[in-house]
Amino acid sequence: MNTRARVLHAYGNRCAWCGSAGPLEIDHLHGGGTAHRATIRTTLETWLERQYRTHGHWPTGYQLLCRSCHDRKSGRNRMPPKK
């Protein structure tokens, strides 16, 4: 099992809002993801697994969201596909 698969498994393998199985993204519950990712200087998956290995538990403050729910929560707008 790779790092991403371990992280997804640890956080439930489902969207925390709608229950969808994917595609899943890791969400910072209280925002600040862009700044946090800039400070850790690695992928969020790698950082979460390191925290687990160091402290013996998965960090709180994170959840899995499907792309659609994450877009709605974060206010991201995607262009519809060209016809």
C-alpha atoms as a PDB file:
ATOM      1  CA  MET A   1       0.000   0.000   0.000  1.00  0.00           C
ATOM      2  CA  ASN A   2       1.454   3.381  -0.962  1.00  0.00           C
ATOM      3  CA  THR A   3       1.427   6.531   1.181  1.00  0.00           C
ATOM      4  CA  ARG A   4      -1.668   8.028  -0.423  1.00  0.00           C
ATOM      5  CA  ALA A   5      -3.621   4.793  -0.019  1.00  0.00           C
ATOM      6  CA  ARG A   6      -2.631   4.586   3.683  1.00  0.00           C
ATOM      7  CA  VAL A   7      -3.736   8.179   4.278  1.00  0.00           C
ATOM      8  CA  LEU A   8      -7.044   7.711   2.455  1.00  0.00           C
ATOM      9  CA  HIS A   9      -7.679   4.522   4.448  1.00  0.00           C
ATOM     10  CA  ALA A  10      -6.843   6.273   7.732  1.00  0.00           C
ATOM     11  CA  TYR A  11      -9.307   9.084   7.008  1.00  0.00           C
ATOM     12  CA  GLY A  12     -12.138   6.782   5.946  1.00  0.00           C
ATOM     13  CA  ASN A  13     -11.869   6.312   2.149  1.00  0.00           C
ATOM     14  CA  ARG A  14     -15.082   8.334   1.634  1.00  0.00           C
ATOM     15  CA  CYS A  15     -16.105  11.955   1.252  1.00  0.00           C
ATOM     16  CA  ALA A  16     -16.939  13.328   4.700  1.00  0.00           C
ATOM     17  CA  TRP A  17     -19.883  15.315   3.268  1.00  0.00           C
ATOM     18  CA  CYS A  18     -21.606  13.154   0.671  1.00  0.00           C
ATOM     19  CA  GLY A  19     -20.076   9.710   1.232  1.00  0.00           C
ATOM     20  CA  SER A  20     -18.742   9.391  -2.319  1.00  0.00           C
ATOM     21  CA  ALA A  21     -15.762   7.095  -2.861  1.00  0.00           C
ATOM     22  CA  GLY A  22     -13.903   9.492  -5.095  1.00  0.00           C
ATOM     23  CA  PRO A  23     -11.962  11.032  -6.526  1.00  0.00           C
ATOM     24  CA  LEU A  24     -10.911  12.174  -3.059  1.00  0.00           C
ATOM     25  CA  GLU A  25      -8.905  15.176  -1.906  1.00  0.00           C
ATOM     26  CA  ILE A  26      -7.514  15.946   1.541  1.00  0.00           C
ATOM     27  CA  ASP A  27      -9.136  19.017   3.073  1.00  0.00           C
ATOM     28  CA  HIS A  28      -7.908  21.211   5.920  1.00  0.00           C
ATOM     29  CA  LEU A  29     -11.044  21.440   8.069  1.00  0.00           C
ATOM     30  CA  HIS A  30     -10.402  25.027   9.124  1.00  0.00           C
ATOM     31  CA  GLY A  31      -8.821  26.332   5.917  1.00  0.00           C
ATOM     32  CA  GLY A  32      -5.240  27.478   5.513  1.00  0.00           C
ATOM     33  CA  GLY A  33      -4.226  24.601   3.267  1.00  0.00           C
ATOM     34  CA  THR A  34      -2.220  26.684   0.820  1.00  0.00           C
ATOM     35  CA  ALA A  35      -0.103  28.251   3.565  1.00  0.00           C
ATOM     36  CA  HIS A  36       0.330  24.920   5.351  1.00  0.00           C
ATOM     37  CA  ARG A  37       1.463  23.125   2.194  1.00  0.00           C
ATOM     38  CA  ALA A  38       4.005  25.909   1.573  1.00  0.00           C
ATOM     39  CA  THR A  39       5.530  25.419   5.029  1.00  0.00           C
ATOM     40  CA  ILE A  40       5.758  21.616   4.981  1.00  0.00           C
ATOM     41  CA  ARG A  41       7.524  21.582   1.599  1.00  0.00           C
ATOM     42  CA  THR A  42       6.357  18.064   0.737  1.00  0.00           C
ATOM     43  CA  THR A  43       3.073  16.473  -0.211  1.00  0.00           C
ATOM     44  CA  LEU A  44       0.329  16.573   2.373  1.00  0.00           C
ATOM     45  CA  GLU A  45       0.086  12.782   2.243  1.00  0.00           C
ATOM     46  CA  THR A  46       3.778  12.403   3.124  1.00  0.00           C
ATOM     47  CA  TRP A  47       3.516  14.942   5.935  1.00  0.00           C
ATOM     48  CA  LEU A  48       0.437  13.253   7.432  1.00  0.00           C
ATOM     49  CA  GLU A  49       2.125   9.851   7.393  1.00  0.00           C
ATOM     50  CA  ARG A  50       5.263  11.280   9.018  1.00  0.00           C
ATOM     51  CA  GLN A  51       3.112  12.782  11.764  1.00  0.00           C
ATOM     52  CA  TYR A  52       1.471   9.401  12.286  1.00  0.00           C
ATOM     53  CA  ARG A  53       4.819   7.623  12.515  1.00  0.00           C
ATOM     54  CA  THR A  54       6.213  10.256  14.901  1.00  0.00           C
ATOM     55  CA  HIS A  55       3.212  10.633  17.232  1.00  0.00           C
ATOM     56  CA  GLY A  56       1.395   7.312  16.849  1.00  0.00           C
ATOM     57  CA  HIS A  57      -1.901   8.808  15.686  1.00  0.00           C
ATOM     58  CA  TRP A  58      -3.207  10.496  12.571  1.00  0.00           C
ATOM     59  CA  PRO A  59      -3.409  14.292  12.880  1.00  0.00           C
ATOM     60  CA  THR A  60      -6.810  15.855  13.464  1.00  0.00           C
ATOM     61  CA  GLY A  61      -8.074  18.808  11.455  1.00  0.00           C
ATOM     62  CA  TYR A  62      -8.180  16.975   8.131  1.00  0.00           C
ATOM     63  CA  GLN A  63     -10.922  15.207   6.224  1.00  0.00           C
ATOM     64  CA  LEU A  64     -11.472  13.661   2.840  1.00  0.00           C
ATOM     65  CA  LEU A  65     -13.779  15.374   0.382  1.00  0.00           C
ATOM     66  CA  CYS A  66     -14.681  14.369  -3.139  1.00  0.00           C
ATOM     67  CA  ARG A  67     -13.627  16.916  -5.717  1.00  0.00           C
ATOM     68  CA  SER A  68     -17.179  18.228  -6.092  1.00  0.00           C
ATOM     69  CA  CYS A  69     -17.684  18.833  -2.359  1.00  0.00           C
ATOM     70  CA  HIS A  70     -14.184  20.295  -1.998  1.00  0.00           C
ATOM     71  CA  ASP A  71     -14.905  22.702  -4.848  1.00  0.00           C
ATOM     72  CA  ARG A  72     -18.108  23.841  -3.126  1.00  0.00           C
ATOM     73  CA  LYS A  73     -16.467  24.182   0.286  1.00  0.00           C
ATOM     74  CA  SER A  74     -13.437  26.093  -0.954  1.00  0.00           C
ATOM     75  CA  GLY A  75     -15.291  28.242  -3.481  1.00  0.00           C
ATOM     76  CA  ARG A  76     -13.235  26.919  -6.387  1.00  0.00           C
ATOM     77  CA  ASN A  77     -14.993  27.262  -9.700  1.00  0.00           C
ATOM     78  CA  ARG A  78     -14.246  24.977 -12.568  1.00  0.00           C
ATOM     79  CA  MET A  79     -15.032  25.715 -16.168  1.00  0.00           C
ATOM     80  CA  PRO A  80     -17.449  23.259 -17.721  1.00  0.00           C
ATOM     81  CA  PRO A  81     -15.948  21.010 -20.397  1.00  0.00           C
ATOM     82  CA  LYS A  82     -15.865  22.422 -23.916  1.00  0.00           C
ATOM     83  CA  LYS A  83     -18.481  21.009 -26.221  1.00  0.00           C
END
